[in-house]
Amino acid sequence: QVQLVESGGGLVQPGGSLRLSCAASGSIFSISNMGWFRQVPGNQRELVADISRSGTTNYADSVKGRFTISRDNAKDTVYLQRISLTPEDTAVYYCRVIVSPRIYWGQGTQVTVSS
């Protein structure tokens, strides 16, 4: 089993910044892909960004230039640095980790962008 602990969510003003963290623990041999998704009530969960073990990144068009994903393989942790936040970034953010062939999800952390 793999456990994921997310942190860093909360309330932020428009234009502000936040960093999310997701630490994996448990029966980990090798994590391949790590990523962040987000979901707004009534909508499907959507990819925000992901990163391979070698560091190749992939971003949703809506966050390119504002969000940066990174990972620390020694700590089995993935980060999502976000700047210039807008109310449209308000959502529950979920960490996803692939330890082939299984996929694991975090419990989600609420991010609210509001003045």
Protein backbone atom coordinates (compact mmCIF):
# COMPACT_ATOMS: atom_id res chain seq x y z
CA GLN A 1 0.00 0.00 0.00
CA VAL A 2 1.00 3.59 -0.65
CA GLN A 3 -0.13 6.52 1.46
CA LEU A 4 -0.20 10.08 0.16
CA VAL A 5 -0.24 13.12 2.41
CA GLU A 6 -1.07 16.44 0.80
CA SER A 7 -0.48 19.85 2.32
CA GLY A 8 -0.44 23.52 1.37
CA GLY A 9 -4.04 24.24 0.48
CA GLY A 10 -6.08 27.10 1.85
CA LEU A 11 -7.44 30.54 1.10
CA VAL A 12 -5.43 32.96 -1.02
CA GLN A 13 -6.20 36.30 -2.60
CA PRO A 14 -6.28 36.74 -6.39
CA GLY A 15 -2.77 37.24 -7.68
CA GLY A 16 -1.31 35.37 -4.75
CA SER A 17 0.84 32.26 -4.60
CA LEU A 18 0.67 28.88 -2.90
CA ARG A 19 2.74 25.73 -2.94
CA LEU A 20 1.20 22.29 -2.62
CA SER A 21 3.15 19.27 -1.42
CA CYS A 22 2.38 15.57 -1.60
CA ALA A 23 4.54 13.06 0.22
CA ALA A 24 4.29 9.35 -0.55
CA SER A 25 5.10 6.60 1.92
CA GLY A 26 4.56 2.88 2.31
CA SER A 27 5.36 0.03 -0.04
CA ILE A 28 7.21 2.07 -2.61
CA PHE A 29 9.72 0.46 -4.88
CA SER A 30 9.81 3.02 -7.63
CA ILE A 31 7.39 5.81 -8.34
CA SER A 32 7.13 6.53 -12.04
CA ASN A 33 4.76 9.42 -12.65
CA MET A 34 3.60 11.97 -10.08
CA GLY A 35 1.00 14.60 -10.75
CA TRP A 36 -1.68 17.00 -9.64
CA PHE A 37 -5.30 17.07 -10.70
CA ARG A 38 -8.11 19.39 -9.69
CA GLN A 39 -11.87 19.15 -9.52
CA VAL A 40 -14.66 21.67 -9.24
CA PRO A 41 -18.12 20.47 -8.11
CA GLY A 42 -20.10 19.31 -11.13
CA ASN A 43 -17.03 18.93 -13.32
CA GLN A 44 -14.69 16.08 -14.09
CA ARG A 45 -11.32 15.85 -12.42
CA GLU A 46 -8.75 17.36 -14.76
CA LEU A 47 -5.00 17.14 -15.07
CA VAL A 48 -3.11 20.19 -13.89
CA ALA A 49 0.45 18.94 -14.32
CA ASP A 50 2.50 15.79 -14.06
CA ILE A 51 6.15 14.85 -13.99
CA SER A 52 8.03 11.68 -14.83
CA ARG A 53 10.76 10.17 -12.70
CA SER A 54 13.36 11.67 -15.03
CA GLY A 55 11.79 15.12 -14.74
CA THR A 56 9.79 15.44 -17.94
CA THR A 57 6.84 17.72 -17.24
CA ASN A 58 3.40 18.16 -18.76
CA TYR A 59 1.00 21.04 -18.06
CA ALA A 60 -2.59 21.91 -18.81
CA ASP A 61 -2.79 24.91 -21.14
CA SER A 62 -4.67 26.89 -18.51
CA VAL A 63 -1.75 26.81 -16.06
CA LYS A 64 1.28 27.05 -18.33
CA GLY A 65 3.56 29.84 -17.24
CA ARG A 66 1.89 30.12 -13.81
CA PHE A 67 2.33 26.68 -12.23
CA THR A 68 5.53 24.72 -11.80
CA ILE A 69 5.64 21.05 -10.87
CA SER A 70 8.73 19.49 -9.35
CA ARG A 71 9.66 16.38 -7.41
CA ASP A 72 12.23 15.15 -4.95
CA ASN A 73 12.83 11.47 -5.67
CA ALA A 74 14.83 11.00 -2.47
CA LYS A 75 11.81 12.13 -0.45
CA ASP A 76 9.12 10.65 -2.74
CA THR A 77 7.50 14.06 -2.76
CA VAL A 78 5.94 16.14 -5.51
CA TYR A 79 5.35 19.88 -5.36
CA LEU A 80 3.15 22.31 -7.24
CA GLN A 81 4.20 25.93 -7.07
CA ARG A 82 1.47 28.27 -8.23
CA ILE A 83 1.63 31.99 -8.87
CA SER A 84 -0.79 34.60 -10.20
CA LEU A 85 -3.75 32.64 -8.88
CA THR A 86 -7.22 33.54 -10.12
CA PRO A 87 -10.68 32.61 -8.82
CA GLU A 88 -10.83 30.07 -11.67
CA ASP A 89 -8.08 28.13 -9.88
CA THR A 90 -10.44 27.45 -6.98
CA ALA A 91 -10.86 23.68 -6.71
CA VAL A 92 -9.98 20.60 -4.73
CA TYR A 93 -6.48 19.58 -5.74
CA TYR A 94 -5.57 15.89 -5.77
CA CYS A 95 -2.17 14.30 -5.86
CA ARG A 96 -1.81 11.20 -8.06
CA VAL A 97 1.09 8.79 -7.96
CA ILE A 98 1.77 5.85 -10.24
CA VAL A 99 3.66 2.90 -8.81
CA SER A 100 3.23 0.59 -11.74
CA PRO A 101 0.85 -0.92 -12.32
CA ARG A 102 -1.18 0.79 -9.61
CA ILE A 103 -2.47 4.35 -9.33
CA TYR A 104 -2.87 6.06 -5.97
CA TRP A 105 -4.77 9.24 -5.12
CA GLY A 106 -4.44 11.66 -2.25
CA GLN A 107 -7.42 12.74 -0.20
CA GLY A 108 -7.54 16.17 -1.82
CA THR A 109 -6.84 19.64 -0.50
CA GLN A 110 -9.12 22.63 -0.99
CA VAL A 111 -7.70 25.75 -2.59
CA THR A 112 -9.90 28.83 -2.63
CA VAL A 113 -8.87 31.99 -4.47
CA SER A 114 -10.99 34.88 -3.26
CA SER A 115 -10.71 38.42 -1.99
